[in-house]
Amino acid sequence: MDFHNFNESMQCEQKNQKRADDFYLNHLGATDIVRYNHNTKSDMKKQRSDIDVSFRRKGKLIKISEKFRAKDFNDLYIEFYSKFPNTRGWLDKSQADYITYFFPARVFIIDEKSLAEFYKNHLSVAISEDIFNRLVEKYPNRNVQKHTWIKIQNHSYKIQIIQAYNQTEDASWYTMGIAVPFKSLSDFEIYCKEFKF
């Protein structure tokens, strides 16, 4: 299959919500879990701010952006464009406090604010928009993953540039992003805690 099925991804997220809620309850001591996945105006506003769920922990309200991955590639996918070239990705608009990044056997909690600063000040500078343009031109209407190296300050990282061609009954579009190793987060002192199951 040369395209990414957006509806299947949404169903996968919905299927994993109970697992996520159990994680928040059992590992973080969360209370008052609220999900923003209904088609109401207030829920859609939260979704556009990259907030999928909120809960209270030790009396404090925590806003969470959830990411679910079907396989563990041992890297973090960062969306540069949700709809290339006009709609920027989730980190450009996120108002979440943390990202919970779920793999089948482990989950990471990542500080969203410091990740957004790393993305804005380093990753988006190191990755030219021309890279995405060239992928679309060379591989139209296809999913593509290309490995390359980037240098940020004194660090070099092998990354994947990812083009996902999305298709629904009504529309098609490209989502563009990169996958960076988790080591890059520790190199730039971004809070990232791992939980294994």
N, C-alpha and C. Protein backbone atom coordinates (compact mmCIF):
# COMPACT_ATOMS: atom_id res chain seq x y z
N MET A 1 0.85 -1.18 0.00
CA MET A 1 0.00 0.00 0.00
C MET A 1 0.90 1.24 0.00
N ASP A 2 0.66 2.16 -0.94
CA ASP A 2 1.48 3.35 -1.07
C ASP A 2 0.91 4.58 -0.41
N PHE A 3 -0.17 4.43 0.35
CA PHE A 3 -0.70 5.59 1.06
C PHE A 3 -0.99 5.22 2.50
N HIS A 4 -1.08 6.26 3.30
CA HIS A 4 -1.35 6.11 4.73
C HIS A 4 -2.84 6.26 4.95
N ASN A 5 -3.46 5.29 5.59
CA ASN A 5 -4.90 5.33 5.82
C ASN A 5 -5.18 6.11 7.10
N PHE A 6 -5.62 7.35 6.93
CA PHE A 6 -5.85 8.25 8.06
C PHE A 6 -6.91 7.70 9.01
N ASN A 7 -7.98 7.14 8.45
CA ASN A 7 -9.07 6.61 9.29
C ASN A 7 -8.60 5.42 10.13
N GLU A 8 -7.75 4.58 9.57
CA GLU A 8 -7.21 3.45 10.33
C GLU A 8 -6.35 3.94 11.49
N SER A 9 -5.59 5.01 11.26
CA SER A 9 -4.77 5.58 12.34
C SER A 9 -5.64 6.10 13.47
N MET A 10 -6.74 6.75 13.11
CA MET A 10 -7.66 7.26 14.13
C MET A 10 -8.27 6.11 14.94
N GLN A 11 -8.62 5.01 14.26
CA GLN A 11 -9.18 3.85 14.96
C GLN A 11 -8.15 3.24 15.90
N CYS A 12 -6.88 3.21 15.48
CA CYS A 12 -5.80 2.69 16.33
C CYS A 12 -5.67 3.53 17.59
N GLU A 13 -5.74 4.86 17.45
CA GLU A 13 -5.66 5.73 18.62
C GLU A 13 -6.81 5.48 19.58
N GLN A 14 -8.02 5.35 19.04
CA GLN A 14 -9.18 5.11 19.89
C GLN A 14 -9.06 3.77 20.62
N LYS A 15 -8.52 2.77 19.93
CA LYS A 15 -8.36 1.45 20.53
C LYS A 15 -7.36 1.48 21.70
N ASN A 16 -6.39 2.38 21.63
CA ASN A 16 -5.34 2.44 22.66
C ASN A 16 -5.66 3.39 23.81
N GLN A 17 -6.79 4.05 23.76
CA GLN A 17 -7.11 5.03 24.81
C GLN A 17 -7.27 4.39 26.18
N LYS A 18 -7.84 3.20 26.27
CA LYS A 18 -7.98 2.54 27.57
C LYS A 18 -6.61 2.21 28.15
N ARG A 19 -5.72 1.72 27.32
CA ARG A 19 -4.34 1.44 27.76
C ARG A 19 -3.69 2.71 28.29
N ALA A 20 -3.89 3.82 27.60
CA ALA A 20 -3.32 5.09 28.04
C ALA A 20 -3.92 5.51 29.38
N ASP A 21 -5.24 5.41 29.50
CA ASP A 21 -5.89 5.79 30.76
C ASP A 21 -5.38 4.94 31.92
N ASP A 22 -5.20 3.63 31.68
CA ASP A 22 -4.66 2.74 32.71
C ASP A 22 -3.25 3.17 33.12
N PHE A 23 -2.45 3.58 32.14
CA PHE A 23 -1.10 4.05 32.43
C PHE A 23 -1.15 5.29 33.32
N TYR A 24 -2.01 6.25 32.97
CA TYR A 24 -2.11 7.48 33.77
C TYR A 24 -2.56 7.17 35.21
N LEU A 25 -3.51 6.25 35.33
CA LEU A 25 -4.02 5.90 36.66
C LEU A 25 -2.97 5.15 37.49
N ASN A 26 -2.38 4.11 36.90
CA ASN A 26 -1.53 3.19 37.65
C ASN A 26 -0.08 3.67 37.82
N HIS A 27 0.44 4.44 36.88
CA HIS A 27 1.85 4.85 36.94
C HIS A 27 2.03 6.31 37.35
N LEU A 28 1.02 7.13 37.09
CA LEU A 28 1.16 8.56 37.39
C LEU A 28 0.24 9.02 38.51
N GLY A 29 -0.66 8.15 38.96
CA GLY A 29 -1.60 8.52 40.01
C GLY A 29 -2.60 9.57 39.57
N ALA A 30 -3.01 9.51 38.31
CA ALA A 30 -3.93 10.51 37.75
C ALA A 30 -5.34 10.34 38.31
N THR A 31 -6.03 11.46 38.41
CA THR A 31 -7.47 11.47 38.73
C THR A 31 -8.16 12.39 37.74
N ASP A 32 -9.47 12.29 37.68
CA ASP A 32 -10.28 13.19 36.85
C ASP A 32 -9.82 13.23 35.39
N ILE A 33 -9.66 12.06 34.78
CA ILE A 33 -9.22 11.98 33.38
C ILE A 33 -10.36 12.44 32.47
N VAL A 34 -10.02 13.37 31.57
CA VAL A 34 -11.00 13.89 30.60
C VAL A 34 -10.39 13.77 29.20
N ARG A 35 -11.12 13.14 28.30
CA ARG A 35 -10.68 12.99 26.91
C ARG A 35 -11.42 14.00 26.04
N TYR A 36 -10.70 14.51 25.03
CA TYR A 36 -11.26 15.51 24.12
C TYR A 36 -11.37 14.92 22.72
N ASN A 37 -12.18 13.88 22.60
CA ASN A 37 -12.32 13.20 21.31
C ASN A 37 -13.75 13.15 20.81
N HIS A 38 -14.57 14.08 21.31
CA HIS A 38 -15.94 14.16 20.82
C HIS A 38 -16.03 15.29 19.82
N ASN A 39 -17.00 15.25 18.96
CA ASN A 39 -17.13 16.28 17.92
C ASN A 39 -17.85 17.51 18.43
N THR A 40 -17.43 18.02 19.58
CA THR A 40 -18.00 19.26 20.11
C THR A 40 -17.03 20.41 19.82
N LYS A 41 -17.51 21.64 19.87
CA LYS A 41 -16.65 22.79 19.61
C LYS A 41 -15.51 22.88 20.61
N SER A 42 -15.84 22.64 21.89
CA SER A 42 -14.80 22.74 22.92
C SER A 42 -13.74 21.64 22.75
N ASP A 43 -14.16 20.42 22.40
CA ASP A 43 -13.20 19.34 22.18
C ASP A 43 -12.34 19.60 20.95
N MET A 44 -12.94 20.13 19.89
CA MET A 44 -12.18 20.42 18.68
C MET A 44 -11.15 21.52 18.93
N LYS A 45 -11.50 22.48 19.79
CA LYS A 45 -10.54 23.53 20.14
C LYS A 45 -9.34 22.93 20.86
N LYS A 46 -9.59 22.00 21.78
CA LYS A 46 -8.49 21.32 22.47
C LYS A 46 -7.64 20.53 21.48
N GLN A 47 -8.30 19.79 20.58
CA GLN A 47 -7.58 18.99 19.59
C GLN A 47 -6.69 19.87 18.71
N ARG A 48 -7.20 21.04 18.30
CA ARG A 48 -6.40 21.95 17.48
C ARG A 48 -5.22 22.52 18.26
N SER A 49 -5.29 22.47 19.59
CA SER A 49 -4.17 22.89 20.44
C SER A 49 -3.29 21.70 20.83
N ASP A 50 -3.52 20.56 20.18
CA ASP A 50 -2.74 19.34 20.39
C ASP A 50 -2.90 18.79 21.81
N ILE A 51 -4.10 18.94 22.36
CA ILE A 51 -4.40 18.38 23.68
C ILE A 51 -5.44 17.27 23.49
N ASP A 52 -5.04 16.04 23.79
CA ASP A 52 -5.93 14.89 23.62
C ASP A 52 -6.64 14.51 24.90
N VAL A 53 -5.97 14.75 26.03
CA VAL A 53 -6.52 14.31 27.31
C VAL A 53 -5.93 15.21 28.40
N SER A 54 -6.67 15.35 29.49
CA SER A 54 -6.13 16.04 30.66
C SER A 54 -6.51 15.24 31.90
N PHE A 55 -5.74 15.45 32.96
CA PHE A 55 -6.05 14.82 34.23
C PHE A 55 -5.41 15.64 35.34
N ARG A 56 -5.77 15.28 36.56
CA ARG A 56 -5.16 15.94 37.71
C ARG A 56 -4.16 14.98 38.34
N ARG A 57 -3.02 15.54 38.73
CA ARG A 57 -1.99 14.78 39.43
C ARG A 57 -1.50 15.63 40.58
N LYS A 58 -1.71 15.13 41.80
CA LYS A 58 -1.38 15.88 43.01
C LYS A 58 -2.03 17.26 42.99
N GLY A 59 -3.27 17.30 42.49
CA GLY A 59 -4.04 18.54 42.48
C GLY A 59 -3.78 19.45 41.30
N LYS A 60 -2.76 19.16 40.50
CA LYS A 60 -2.41 20.03 39.37
C LYS A 60 -3.00 19.49 38.08
N LEU A 61 -3.57 20.38 37.25
CA LEU A 61 -4.11 19.98 35.95
C LEU A 61 -2.98 19.78 34.96
N ILE A 62 -2.93 18.61 34.33
CA ILE A 62 -1.89 18.27 33.35
C ILE A 62 -2.57 18.05 32.00
N LYS A 63 -2.06 18.73 30.96
CA LYS A 63 -2.59 18.59 29.60
C LYS A 63 -1.63 17.74 28.77
N ILE A 64 -2.18 16.73 28.10
CA ILE A 64 -1.37 15.71 27.43
C ILE A 64 -1.67 15.65 25.94
N SER A 65 -0.61 15.56 25.14
CA SER A 65 -0.69 15.21 23.73
C SER A 65 -0.27 13.75 23.61
N GLU A 66 -1.11 12.92 23.03
CA GLU A 66 -0.82 11.48 22.93
C GLU A 66 -0.36 11.13 21.52
N LYS A 67 0.65 10.27 21.45
CA LYS A 67 1.13 9.73 20.19
C LYS A 67 1.24 8.22 20.36
N PHE A 68 0.65 7.47 19.44
CA PHE A 68 0.67 6.01 19.50
C PHE A 68 1.42 5.48 18.28
N ARG A 69 2.35 4.57 18.51
CA ARG A 69 3.10 3.95 17.43
C ARG A 69 2.90 2.44 17.49
N ALA A 70 2.60 1.86 16.33
CA ALA A 70 2.33 0.42 16.27
C ALA A 70 3.61 -0.40 16.42
N LYS A 71 4.76 0.17 16.07
CA LYS A 71 6.05 -0.52 16.19
C LYS A 71 7.01 0.40 16.94
N ASP A 72 7.99 -0.22 17.58
CA ASP A 72 9.00 0.52 18.31
C ASP A 72 10.23 0.70 17.43
N PHE A 73 10.38 1.90 16.88
CA PHE A 73 11.53 2.21 16.04
C PHE A 73 12.65 2.88 16.84
N ASN A 74 12.44 3.03 18.15
CA ASN A 74 13.42 3.64 19.04
C ASN A 74 13.79 5.06 18.61
N ASP A 75 12.79 5.79 18.11
CA ASP A 75 13.00 7.19 17.80
C ASP A 75 11.70 7.95 17.98
N LEU A 76 11.81 9.26 17.93
CA LEU A 76 10.67 10.14 18.15
C LEU A 76 10.30 10.80 16.83
N TYR A 77 9.06 10.60 16.39
CA TYR A 77 8.58 11.23 15.17
C TYR A 77 8.06 12.63 15.49
N ILE A 78 8.56 13.62 14.75
CA ILE A 78 8.12 15.01 14.91
C ILE A 78 7.53 15.48 13.59
N GLU A 79 6.28 15.85 13.64
CA GLU A 79 5.56 16.28 12.45
C GLU A 79 5.90 17.75 12.14
N PHE A 80 6.46 17.98 10.96
CA PHE A 80 6.73 19.34 10.52
C PHE A 80 5.50 19.95 9.85
N TYR A 81 4.79 19.14 9.05
CA TYR A 81 3.58 19.59 8.37
C TYR A 81 2.50 18.52 8.53
N SER A 82 1.33 18.92 9.04
CA SER A 82 0.22 17.96 9.05
C SER A 82 -0.40 17.87 7.66
N LYS A 83 -0.38 19.01 6.93
CA LYS A 83 -0.80 19.02 5.52
C LYS A 83 0.17 19.91 4.76
N PHE A 84 1.11 19.27 4.10
CA PHE A 84 2.15 19.99 3.37
C PHE A 84 1.58 20.62 2.11
N PRO A 85 1.95 21.89 1.82
CA PRO A 85 2.92 22.76 2.49
C PRO A 85 2.28 23.86 3.35
N ASN A 86 0.97 23.80 3.55
CA ASN A 86 0.28 24.95 4.16
C ASN A 86 -0.02 24.84 5.64
N THR A 87 -0.13 23.63 6.19
CA THR A 87 -0.53 23.48 7.59
C THR A 87 0.62 22.86 8.38
N ARG A 88 1.15 23.63 9.31
CA ARG A 88 2.28 23.17 10.11
C ARG A 88 1.85 22.07 11.07
N GLY A 89 2.83 21.37 11.63
CA GLY A 89 2.58 20.20 12.48
C GLY A 89 2.21 20.54 13.90
N TRP A 90 2.06 19.49 14.71
CA TRP A 90 1.50 19.64 16.05
C TRP A 90 2.37 20.45 17.00
N LEU A 91 3.68 20.42 16.88
CA LEU A 91 4.52 21.18 17.80
C LEU A 91 4.41 22.69 17.60
N ASP A 92 4.02 23.11 16.41
CA ASP A 92 3.87 24.55 16.14
C ASP A 92 2.70 25.15 16.89
N LYS A 93 1.72 24.32 17.27
CA LYS A 93 0.51 24.87 17.90
C LYS A 93 0.20 24.24 19.24
N SER A 94 1.05 23.35 19.71
CA SER A 94 0.73 22.59 20.92
C SER A 94 0.71 23.46 22.17
N GLN A 95 -0.33 23.24 22.97
CA GLN A 95 -0.43 23.87 24.28
C GLN A 95 -0.42 22.81 25.38
N ALA A 96 0.04 21.62 25.02
CA ALA A 96 0.12 20.53 25.99
C ALA A 96 1.30 20.76 26.93
N ASP A 97 1.22 20.16 28.10
CA ASP A 97 2.34 20.19 29.04
C ASP A 97 3.35 19.09 28.74
N TYR A 98 2.81 17.90 28.38
CA TYR A 98 3.65 16.74 28.11
C TYR A 98 3.12 15.98 26.91
N ILE A 99 4.01 15.24 26.28
CA ILE A 99 3.65 14.29 25.23
C ILE A 99 3.84 12.91 25.82
N THR A 100 2.83 12.07 25.72
CA THR A 100 3.00 10.66 26.08
C THR A 100 3.12 9.90 24.76
N TYR A 101 4.22 9.19 24.63
CA TYR A 101 4.60 8.57 23.37
C TYR A 101 4.59 7.06 23.57
N PHE A 102 3.55 6.41 23.08
CA PHE A 102 3.30 4.99 23.36
C PHE A 102 3.85 4.09 22.26
N PHE A 103 4.68 3.13 22.67
CA PHE A 103 5.06 1.99 21.84
C PHE A 103 4.35 0.77 22.43
N PRO A 104 4.38 -0.38 21.74
CA PRO A 104 3.69 -1.57 22.29
C PRO A 104 4.15 -1.99 23.68
N ALA A 105 5.45 -1.86 24.01
CA ALA A 105 5.94 -2.37 25.30
C ALA A 105 6.52 -1.30 26.21
N ARG A 106 6.44 -0.05 25.82
CA ARG A 106 6.93 1.02 26.67
C ARG A 106 6.30 2.36 26.27
N VAL A 107 6.47 3.32 27.16
CA VAL A 107 5.93 4.66 26.91
C VAL A 107 6.94 5.68 27.43
N PHE A 108 7.03 6.79 26.73
CA PHE A 108 7.87 7.89 27.14
C PHE A 108 6.99 9.09 27.49
N ILE A 109 7.38 9.80 28.53
CA ILE A 109 6.77 11.09 28.85
C ILE A 109 7.81 12.15 28.54
N ILE A 110 7.44 13.11 27.69
CA ILE A 110 8.38 14.11 27.19
C ILE A 110 7.83 15.50 27.49
N ASP A 111 8.68 16.37 28.03
CA ASP A 111 8.28 17.75 28.28
C ASP A 111 8.05 18.46 26.95
N GLU A 112 6.82 18.93 26.76
CA GLU A 112 6.45 19.51 25.47
C GLU A 112 7.13 20.85 25.22
N LYS A 113 7.25 21.68 26.23
CA LYS A 113 7.79 23.04 26.03
C LYS A 113 9.25 22.99 25.59
N SER A 114 10.07 22.18 26.27
CA SER A 114 11.48 22.11 25.88
C SER A 114 11.65 21.40 24.54
N LEU A 115 10.78 20.42 24.23
CA LEU A 115 10.82 19.78 22.92
C LEU A 115 10.48 20.79 21.83
N ALA A 116 9.47 21.63 22.06
CA ALA A 116 9.09 22.65 21.08
C ALA A 116 10.22 23.64 20.84
N GLU A 117 10.95 24.00 21.89
CA GLU A 117 12.09 24.91 21.73
C GLU A 117 13.20 24.25 20.90
N PHE A 118 13.48 22.97 21.17
CA PHE A 118 14.47 22.21 20.40
C PHE A 118 14.06 22.15 18.93
N TYR A 119 12.80 21.90 18.68
CA TYR A 119 12.27 21.84 17.31
C TYR A 119 12.41 23.19 16.61
N LYS A 120 11.99 24.24 17.29
CA LYS A 120 12.01 25.59 16.69
C LYS A 120 13.43 26.11 16.47
N ASN A 121 14.28 25.96 17.48
CA ASN A 121 15.61 26.57 17.43
C ASN A 121 16.66 25.72 16.73
N HIS A 122 16.42 24.40 16.62
CA HIS A 122 17.46 23.54 16.06
C HIS A 122 16.97 22.69 14.89
N LEU A 123 15.92 21.89 15.11
CA LEU A 123 15.49 20.97 14.05
C LEU A 123 14.96 21.70 12.82
N SER A 124 14.09 22.70 13.03
CA SER A 124 13.51 23.38 11.88
C SER A 124 14.55 24.22 11.13
N VAL A 125 15.65 24.55 11.80
CA VAL A 125 16.76 25.25 11.14
C VAL A 125 17.59 24.25 10.33
N ALA A 126 17.78 23.05 10.87
CA ALA A 126 18.63 22.04 10.23
C ALA A 126 17.94 21.36 9.04
N ILE A 127 16.61 21.37 9.02
CA ILE A 127 15.86 20.69 7.96
C ILE A 127 15.25 21.72 7.03
N SER A 128 15.70 21.73 5.79
CA SER A 128 15.20 22.68 4.79
C SER A 128 13.86 22.20 4.22
N GLU A 129 12.98 23.14 3.93
CA GLU A 129 11.70 22.79 3.31
C GLU A 129 11.92 22.18 1.93
N ASP A 130 13.06 22.50 1.30
CA ASP A 130 13.36 21.92 -0.02
C ASP A 130 13.43 20.40 0.04
N ILE A 131 13.84 19.85 1.19
CA ILE A 131 13.91 18.39 1.33
C ILE A 131 12.52 17.79 1.14
N PHE A 132 11.52 18.40 1.74
CA PHE A 132 10.15 17.90 1.60
C PHE A 132 9.63 18.10 0.17
N ASN A 133 9.94 19.25 -0.43
CA ASN A 133 9.52 19.50 -1.82
C ASN A 133 10.10 18.46 -2.76
N ARG A 134 11.37 18.13 -2.57
CA ARG A 134 12.00 17.15 -3.45
C ARG A 134 11.38 15.76 -3.29
N LEU A 135 11.00 15.40 -2.05
CA LEU A 135 10.35 14.10 -1.86
C LEU A 135 9.02 14.03 -2.61
N VAL A 136 8.22 15.08 -2.49
CA VAL A 136 6.92 15.08 -3.17
C VAL A 136 7.11 14.99 -4.69
N GLU A 137 8.10 15.73 -5.20
CA GLU A 137 8.34 15.71 -6.65
C GLU A 137 8.82 14.34 -7.13
N LYS A 138 9.72 13.74 -6.34
CA LYS A 138 10.30 12.46 -6.76
C LYS A 138 9.38 11.28 -6.50
N TYR A 139 8.57 11.36 -5.41
CA TYR A 139 7.70 10.23 -5.03
C TYR A 139 6.27 10.72 -4.84
N PRO A 140 5.59 11.10 -5.91
CA PRO A 140 4.21 11.59 -5.75
C PRO A 140 3.26 10.47 -5.32
N ASN A 141 2.34 10.82 -4.43
CA ASN A 141 1.28 9.90 -4.00
C ASN A 141 1.82 8.61 -3.38
N ARG A 142 2.90 8.75 -2.61
CA ARG A 142 3.51 7.56 -1.99
C ARG A 142 4.00 7.87 -0.59
N ASN A 143 4.14 6.83 0.20
CA ASN A 143 4.84 6.90 1.48
C ASN A 143 6.32 6.69 1.21
N VAL A 144 7.15 7.54 1.85
CA VAL A 144 8.60 7.44 1.63
C VAL A 144 9.33 7.72 2.93
N GLN A 145 10.42 6.96 3.16
CA GLN A 145 11.31 7.21 4.30
C GLN A 145 12.73 7.27 3.77
N LYS A 146 13.43 8.36 4.09
CA LYS A 146 14.80 8.55 3.64
C LYS A 146 15.70 8.84 4.83
N HIS A 147 16.82 8.13 4.93
CA HIS A 147 17.80 8.37 5.99
C HIS A 147 18.77 9.45 5.56
N THR A 148 19.15 10.29 6.52
CA THR A 148 20.17 11.29 6.29
C THR A 148 20.80 11.66 7.63
N TRP A 149 21.85 12.43 7.57
CA TRP A 149 22.52 12.91 8.78
C TRP A 149 22.33 14.41 8.91
N ILE A 150 22.12 14.87 10.13
CA ILE A 150 22.09 16.31 10.39
C ILE A 150 23.06 16.61 11.52
N LYS A 151 23.56 17.84 11.52
CA LYS A 151 24.45 18.27 12.59
C LYS A 151 23.78 19.42 13.32
N ILE A 152 23.70 19.31 14.64
CA ILE A 152 23.16 20.37 15.48
C ILE A 152 24.20 20.64 16.56
N GLN A 153 24.71 21.85 16.54
CA GLN A 153 25.81 22.24 17.42
C GLN A 153 26.95 21.23 17.26
N ASN A 154 27.35 20.55 18.33
CA ASN A 154 28.47 19.60 18.22
C ASN A 154 28.00 18.16 18.05
N HIS A 155 26.71 17.97 17.79
CA HIS A 155 26.15 16.63 17.72
C HIS A 155 25.74 16.29 16.28
N SER A 156 25.98 15.04 15.89
CA SER A 156 25.50 14.53 14.60
C SER A 156 24.49 13.43 14.86
N TYR A 157 23.39 13.45 14.11
CA TYR A 157 22.32 12.47 14.30
C TYR A 157 21.89 11.89 12.96
N LYS A 158 21.71 10.56 12.97
CA LYS A 158 21.10 9.91 11.81
C LYS A 158 19.59 9.99 12.01
N ILE A 159 18.90 10.60 11.05
CA ILE A 159 17.45 10.78 11.16
C ILE A 159 16.76 10.17 9.95
N GLN A 160 15.45 10.03 10.07
CA GLN A 160 14.63 9.64 8.93
C GLN A 160 13.73 10.80 8.55
N ILE A 161 13.69 11.12 7.28
CA ILE A 161 12.73 12.07 6.78
C ILE A 161 11.56 11.25 6.24
N ILE A 162 10.35 11.58 6.68
CA ILE A 162 9.20 10.73 6.39
C ILE A 162 8.11 11.52 5.68
N GLN A 163 7.71 10.98 4.54
CA GLN A 163 6.57 11.50 3.79
C GLN A 163 5.45 10.48 3.88
N ALA A 164 4.31 10.90 4.42
CA ALA A 164 3.13 10.02 4.48
C ALA A 164 2.07 10.60 3.55
N TYR A 165 1.67 9.80 2.59
CA TYR A 165 0.60 10.20 1.69
C TYR A 165 -0.72 9.69 2.26
N ASN A 166 -1.56 10.63 2.69
CA ASN A 166 -2.83 10.30 3.34
C ASN A 166 -3.97 10.34 2.34
N GLN A 167 -4.90 9.42 2.51
CA GLN A 167 -6.04 9.38 1.60
C GLN A 167 -7.29 8.97 2.37
N THR A 168 -8.35 9.76 2.18
CA THR A 168 -9.67 9.41 2.69
C THR A 168 -10.62 9.38 1.49
N GLU A 169 -11.88 9.15 1.76
CA GLU A 169 -12.85 9.16 0.67
C GLU A 169 -12.96 10.53 0.02
N ASP A 170 -12.71 11.59 0.80
CA ASP A 170 -12.95 12.95 0.32
C ASP A 170 -11.70 13.73 -0.05
N ALA A 171 -10.53 13.33 0.42
CA ALA A 171 -9.35 14.17 0.21
C ALA A 171 -8.07 13.35 0.26
N SER A 172 -6.99 13.98 -0.18
CA SER A 172 -5.66 13.40 -0.05
C SER A 172 -4.68 14.53 0.26
N TRP A 173 -3.61 14.19 1.01
CA TRP A 173 -2.63 15.19 1.39
C TRP A 173 -1.37 14.48 1.88
N TYR A 174 -0.30 15.25 2.00
CA TYR A 174 0.97 14.75 2.51
C TYR A 174 1.19 15.25 3.93
N THR A 175 1.63 14.35 4.79
CA THR A 175 2.13 14.72 6.11
C THR A 175 3.64 14.52 6.07
N MET A 176 4.37 15.53 6.54
CA MET A 176 5.83 15.50 6.48
C MET A 176 6.42 15.63 7.88
N GLY A 177 7.45 14.84 8.15
CA GLY A 177 8.10 14.95 9.44
C GLY A 177 9.44 14.24 9.44
N ILE A 178 10.06 14.23 10.61
CA ILE A 178 11.33 13.52 10.77
C ILE A 178 11.28 12.67 12.04
N ALA A 179 12.07 11.64 12.07
CA ALA A 179 12.23 10.81 13.26
C ALA A 179 13.65 10.99 13.76
N VAL A 180 13.76 11.41 15.02
CA VAL A 180 15.07 11.66 15.63
C VAL A 180 15.32 10.64 16.74
N PRO A 181 16.58 10.28 16.99
CA PRO A 181 16.86 9.34 18.08
C PRO A 181 16.56 9.98 19.43
N PHE A 182 16.17 9.16 20.39
CA PHE A 182 15.89 9.67 21.74
C PHE A 182 17.13 10.29 22.37
N LYS A 183 18.31 9.87 21.93
CA LYS A 183 19.55 10.44 22.46
C LYS A 183 19.59 11.95 22.24
N SER A 184 19.01 12.42 21.14
CA SER A 184 19.03 13.86 20.88
C SER A 184 18.30 14.63 21.98
N LEU A 185 17.30 14.02 22.60
CA LEU A 185 16.58 14.68 23.67
C LEU A 185 17.47 14.84 24.90
N SER A 186 18.18 13.77 25.26
CA SER A 186 19.06 13.87 26.43
C SER A 186 20.23 14.81 26.16
N ASP A 187 20.73 14.85 24.93
CA ASP A 187 21.82 15.76 24.59
C ASP A 187 21.44 17.22 24.81
N PHE A 188 20.15 17.52 24.62
CA PHE A 188 19.68 18.89 24.78
C PHE A 188 18.84 19.07 26.05
N GLU A 189 19.02 18.13 26.99
CA GLU A 189 18.43 18.21 28.32
C GLU A 189 16.91 18.40 28.29
N ILE A 190 16.26 17.67 27.39
CA ILE A 190 14.79 17.66 27.32
C ILE A 190 14.30 16.54 28.22
N TYR A 191 13.41 16.87 29.16
CA TYR A 191 12.89 15.86 30.08
C TYR A 191 12.20 14.75 29.29
N CYS A 192 12.64 13.52 29.51
CA CYS A 192 12.08 12.36 28.81
C CYS A 192 12.24 11.16 29.73
N LYS A 193 11.13 10.65 30.23
CA LYS A 193 11.17 9.51 31.16
C LYS A 193 10.52 8.29 30.50
N GLU A 194 11.19 7.16 30.63
CA GLU A 194 10.72 5.91 30.02
C GLU A 194 10.07 5.01 31.06
N PHE A 195 8.94 4.40 30.68
CA PHE A 195 8.26 3.38 31.48
C PHE A 195 8.14 2.13 30.62
N LYS A 196 8.54 0.98 31.18
CA LYS A 196 8.43 -0.28 30.45
C LYS A 196 7.27 -1.10 31.00
N PHE A 197 6.65 -1.92 30.12
CA PHE A 197 5.52 -2.76 30.52
C PHE A 197 5.92 -4.22 30.45
